[in-house]
Amino acid sequence: MARRKNQLFNLSFLDLITGALGAVIFLFVITPKGGSSASDVRQVAMYLDTSEMKIFGDLHDSLTSKQVGDTLFTVLVDYKNWPKPEKRKVAEKKIDFNQPKPKAVANKVPEKKKPVPPKKPVTTTPKEKVVIPPKKEPTPITAGPRETTVYKGDAPSVPCKVSFELNWASKDDNVDFFVCKGNNCVYGGRKRDRSIGQWDSGKSRNRLFGNDLRTNQEAIRQFDEIIPGEYLLYAQFKESKRNNQTVRLNGLIYTKGKGGEQRGESFVKTLPISKSRVLLGKVVLQSDGRYKFIKK
């Protein structure tokens, strides 16, 4: 059998050398650097937030290069208990023993009510019967002249002192309006009289062609002053292009005094077609604008 030669660097020697080197390197890694003890160097710090129930950590600069999943060798060097919340102190009531005790109130005995004597029945003498006289029925008021003080409607379209007006619905109905005083009258055929007024806004005649331009209103007005007296208002429904047998007339009596006081009233009258004029009413006019209207 051949003898083997003895070698200085065999497999056992290499295992020993590498194992010793690995132990030195491991000690070098776990030994804290900077000359301070392991208890003074903080590598990992943990915090617990009880309000949000979350855990926070603080790493040393040497561990900032680590990634999620790396294994760290942790050595516990020191720990402290988490501080407990302080209990609220309740203010204790101090009792002053020198203070006198309140006097006890004795139970009051309810007083007995005195019996109320029964009331004696009151005897009444029969009263005499009162005879009520029958009510008198009011006497009927007959319609008569009345005086209007304030006018609340629309004033005439033409400024004036006195205005007697009539209007109706359609221009196809031919109506004439007359205002008379004594034997004189003002109307479409006689448009002006000093003692009555001036005819206005009624039928007008075209001088060039001679035709009759009809409207649906007529008025007799006084412009300069109020002429007092008694006025009779007449109207005549002559004809109708629509063959109407009656026409509804809307009348207005208006005055304006020196102080600017406006008086007036409106009335309604229905007229049939006739060959004669019909009396609408009588107006008694004073110089200050007051008047009385007697409707027929």
Foldseek 3Di string as FASTA:
>chain_A
DDDDDDDDDDPVVVVVVVVVVVVVVVVVVPADDDPDHPLVDDAKDWDADPVVRDIDMDGDPVCPPDDPPDDDDDDDNDDDDDDDDDDDDDDDDDDDPVDDDDDDDDDDDDDDDDDDDDDDDDDDDDDDDDDDDDDDDDDDDDDDWDKWFADDDDDDPDDAFKKKKKFFDDQQWDKWKWKDAPPDIDTPVRADDPLWAGKDDAWDADPPPGDIDGDGMIMGGHHPFDRFDKMWIKMAGADGPVRDFKTKMKIKIWGAFPVRGITIDIDIDMDGHDPDIDTQWMWGADRRGMIIIGGD
